[in-house]
C-alpha atoms as a PDB file:
ATOM      1  CA  UNK A   1       0.000   0.000   0.000  1.00  0.00           C
ATOM      2  CA  UNK A   2       1.350   3.426  -0.983  1.00  0.00           C
ATOM      3  CA  UNK A   3       1.423   5.754   2.002  1.00  0.00           C
ATOM      4  CA  UNK A   4       3.062   8.922   0.701  1.00  0.00           C
ATOM      5  CA  UNK A   5       5.376  10.442  -1.892  1.00  0.00           C
ATOM      6  CA  UNK A   6       7.756  13.291  -1.120  1.00  0.00           C
ATOM      7  CA  UNK A   7       9.990  15.311  -3.441  1.00  0.00           C
ATOM      8  CA  UNK A   8      13.327  17.030  -2.976  1.00  0.00           C
ATOM      9  CA  UNK A   9      16.012  18.997  -4.749  1.00  0.00           C
ATOM     10  CA  UNK A  10      19.739  19.105  -4.077  1.00  0.00           C
ATOM     11  CA  UNK A  11      22.786  20.747  -5.584  1.00  0.00           C
ATOM     12  CA  UNK A  12      26.525  20.457  -5.880  1.00  0.00           C
ATOM     13  CA  UNK A  13      27.520  24.054  -6.427  1.00  0.00           C
ATOM     14  CA  UNK A  14      31.222  23.743  -7.260  1.00  0.00           C
ATOM     15  CA  UNK A  15      32.587  20.201  -6.926  1.00  0.00           C
ATOM     16  CA  UNK A  16      30.600  18.576  -9.717  1.00  0.00           C
ATOM     17  CA  UNK A  17      29.551  15.723  -7.402  1.00  0.00           C
ATOM     18  CA  UNK A  18      26.397  14.039  -8.713  1.00  0.00           C
ATOM     19  CA  UNK A  19      26.172  11.658  -5.753  1.00  0.00           C
ATOM     20  CA  UNK A  20      26.316  14.514  -3.229  1.00  0.00           C
ATOM     21  CA  UNK A  21      23.696  16.494  -5.163  1.00  0.00           C
ATOM     22  CA  UNK A  22      21.454  13.400  -5.125  1.00  0.00           C
ATOM     23  CA  UNK A  23      22.051  12.846  -1.388  1.00  0.00           C
ATOM     24  CA  UNK A  24      21.108  16.457  -0.701  1.00  0.00           C
ATOM     25  CA  UNK A  25      17.915  16.003  -2.743  1.00  0.00           C
ATOM     26  CA  UNK A  26      17.048  12.951  -0.633  1.00  0.00           C
ATOM     27  CA  UNK A  27      17.736  14.778   2.623  1.00  0.00           C
ATOM     28  CA  UNK A  28      15.631  17.707   1.376  1.00  0.00           C
ATOM     29  CA  UNK A  29      12.715  15.339   0.749  1.00  0.00           C
ATOM     30  CA  UNK A  30      13.135  13.550   4.078  1.00  0.00           C
ATOM     31  CA  UNK A  31      13.586  16.655   6.198  1.00  0.00           C
ATOM     32  CA  UNK A  32      10.434  18.283   4.775  1.00  0.00           C
ATOM     33  CA  UNK A  33       8.184  15.740   6.385  1.00  0.00           C
ATOM     34  CA  UNK A  34       7.841  13.711   9.515  1.00  0.00           C
ATOM     35  CA  UNK A  35       6.842  10.251   8.417  1.00  0.00           C
ATOM     36  CA  UNK A  36       4.712   8.695  11.151  1.00  0.00           C
ATOM     37  CA  UNK A  37       3.164   6.186   8.782  1.00  0.00           C
ATOM     38  CA  UNK A  38       4.618   3.135  10.529  1.00  0.00           C
ATOM     39  CA  UNK A  39       3.177   4.126  13.881  1.00  0.00           C
ATOM     40  CA  UNK A  40      -0.131   5.142  12.331  1.00  0.00           C
ATOM     41  CA  UNK A  41      -0.451   1.744  10.636  1.00  0.00           C
ATOM     42  CA  UNK A  42       0.828  -0.219  13.631  1.00  0.00           C
ATOM     43  CA  UNK A  43       3.915  -1.354  11.738  1.00  0.00           C
ATOM     44  CA  UNK A  44       7.611  -1.386  12.505  1.00  0.00           C
ATOM     45  CA  UNK A  45       9.681   1.283  10.696  1.00  0.00           C
ATOM     46  CA  UNK A  46      11.926  -1.486   9.369  1.00  0.00           C
ATOM     47  CA  UNK A  47       8.952  -2.687   7.267  1.00  0.00           C
ATOM     48  CA  UNK A  48       8.935   0.527   5.232  1.00  0.00           C
ATOM     49  CA  UNK A  49       9.795   0.108   1.563  1.00  0.00           C
ATOM     50  CA  UNK A  50      11.235   3.235  -0.011  1.00  0.00           C
ATOM     51  CA  UNK A  51      10.970   3.528  -3.771  1.00  0.00           C
ATOM     52  CA  UNK A  52      13.528   6.187  -4.637  1.00  0.00           C
ATOM     53  CA  UNK A  53      13.931   7.919  -7.976  1.00  0.00           C
ATOM     54  CA  UNK A  54      16.869  10.236  -8.628  1.00  0.00           C
ATOM     55  CA  UNK A  55      17.218  12.409 -11.732  1.00  0.00           C
ATOM     56  CA  UNK A  56      20.531  13.972 -12.819  1.00  0.00           C
ATOM     57  CA  UNK A  57      22.201  14.810 -16.107  1.00  0.00           C
ATOM     58  CA  UNK A  58      24.821  12.051 -15.638  1.00  0.00           C
ATOM     59  CA  UNK A  59      23.077   9.089 -13.974  1.00  0.00           C
ATOM     60  CA  UNK A  60      26.174   6.900 -14.334  1.00  0.00           C
ATOM     61  CA  UNK A  61      28.061   9.303 -12.008  1.00  0.00           C
ATOM     62  CA  UNK A  62      25.755   8.565  -9.036  1.00  0.00           C
ATOM     63  CA  UNK A  63      26.753   5.939  -6.456  1.00  0.00           C
ATOM     64  CA  UNK A  64      23.365   4.462  -5.505  1.00  0.00           C
ATOM     65  CA  UNK A  65      24.917   2.303  -2.764  1.00  0.00           C
ATOM     66  CA  UNK A  66      26.182   5.443  -1.042  1.00  0.00           C
ATOM     67  CA  UNK A  67      22.708   7.002  -1.240  1.00  0.00           C
ATOM     68  CA  UNK A  68      21.188   4.090   0.675  1.00  0.00           C
ATOM     69  CA  UNK A  69      23.069   5.362   3.750  1.00  0.00           C
ATOM     70  CA  UNK A  70      20.899   8.497   3.808  1.00  0.00           C
ATOM     71  CA  UNK A  71      17.892   6.523   5.105  1.00  0.00           C
ATOM     72  CA  UNK A  72      17.726   5.875   8.859  1.00  0.00           C
ATOM     73  CA  UNK A  73      15.386   2.866   8.439  1.00  0.00           C
ATOM     74  CA  UNK A  74      13.431   0.948   5.844  1.00  0.00           C
ATOM     75  CA  UNK A  75      14.632  -0.744   2.676  1.00  0.00           C
ATOM     76  CA  UNK A  76      15.465   1.627  -0.171  1.00  0.00           C
ATOM     77  CA  UNK A  77      15.143   0.585  -3.816  1.00  0.00           C
ATOM     78  CA  UNK A  78      17.063   3.322  -5.625  1.00  0.00           C
ATOM     79  CA  UNK A  79      16.874   4.022  -9.350  1.00  0.00           C
ATOM     80  CA  UNK A  80      18.828   6.766 -11.067  1.00  0.00           C
ATOM     81  CA  UNK A  81      17.739   8.231 -14.375  1.00  0.00           C
ATOM     82  CA  UNK A  82      18.297  11.172 -16.663  1.00  0.00           C
ATOM     83  CA  UNK A  83      16.926  14.527 -15.566  1.00  0.00           C
ATOM     84  CA  UNK A  84      17.938  17.325 -13.267  1.00  0.00           C
ATOM     85  CA  UNK A  85      20.004  20.156 -14.620  1.00  0.00           C
ATOM     86  CA  UNK A  86      23.646  21.093 -15.128  1.00  0.00           C
ATOM     87  CA  UNK A  87      24.101  24.863 -15.019  1.00  0.00           C
ATOM     88  CA  UNK A  88      27.354  26.056 -16.602  1.00  0.00           C
ATOM     89  CA  UNK A  89      29.541  28.339 -14.516  1.00  0.00           C
ATOM     90  CA  UNK A  90      29.219  31.979 -15.641  1.00  0.00           C
ATOM     91  CA  UNK A  91      32.921  32.206 -16.434  1.00  0.00           C
ATOM     92  CA  UNK A  92      32.775  28.924 -18.384  1.00  0.00           C
ATOM     93  CA  UNK A  93      35.462  27.333 -16.220  1.00  0.00           C
ATOM     94  CA  UNK A  94      35.274  24.427 -13.804  1.00  0.00           C
ATOM     95  CA  UNK A  95      32.413  22.106 -12.982  1.00  0.00           C
ATOM     96  CA  UNK A  96      28.810  23.094 -13.639  1.00  0.00           C
ATOM     97  CA  UNK A  97      26.375  23.563 -10.780  1.00  0.00           C
ATOM     98  CA  UNK A  98      24.517  20.265 -10.557  1.00  0.00           C
ATOM     99  CA  UNK A  99      20.822  20.135  -9.727  1.00  0.00           C
ATOM    100  CA  UNK A 100      19.387  16.741  -8.716  1.00  0.00           C
ATOM    101  CA  UNK A 101      15.740  15.853  -8.186  1.00  0.00           C
ATOM    102  CA  UNK A 102      14.464  13.094  -5.918  1.00  0.00           C
ATOM    103  CA  UNK A 103      11.127  11.375  -5.358  1.00  0.00           C
ATOM    104  CA  UNK A 104      10.624   9.038  -2.406  1.00  0.00           C
ATOM    105  CA  UNK A 105       7.528   6.850  -2.261  1.00  0.00           C
ATOM    106  CA  UNK A 106       6.856   5.017   1.003  1.00  0.00           C
ATOM    107  CA  UNK A 107       4.991   1.718   0.867  1.00  0.00           C
ATOM    108  CA  UNK A 108       4.293  -1.259   3.104  1.00  0.00           C
ATOM    109  CA  UNK A 109       3.745  -4.829   1.973  1.00  0.00           C
ATOM    110  CA  UNK A 110       0.040  -5.704   1.996  1.00  0.00           C
ATOM    111  CA  UNK A 111       0.606  -8.975   3.800  1.00  0.00           C
ATOM    112  CA  UNK A 112       2.613  -7.455   6.667  1.00  0.00           C
ATOM    113  CA  UNK A 113       0.614  -6.692   9.759  1.00  0.00           C
END
């Protein structure tokens, strides 16, 4: 059963780090809400299933295993696809500013009680 979906945005302003931009997008989504769904449904937080979508201009540059460490509980299924935005530096030198988008959908298995 789908309980909620939350969205976030994160950036890497100077280092060109797609994984850090994605992690910041996840933290933005998580810190915007207090998820009391487990308690409300009488479930353990460990039962939460987190369907995570990340969008950046270079999906292959994101370390999804590192992103799993952002979540304090639950099992995260992380997919990384094309999206987000790379903003060139005004002077044309160095790494672009990276903008990552994240969507986190929280579910519980129907058969868990």
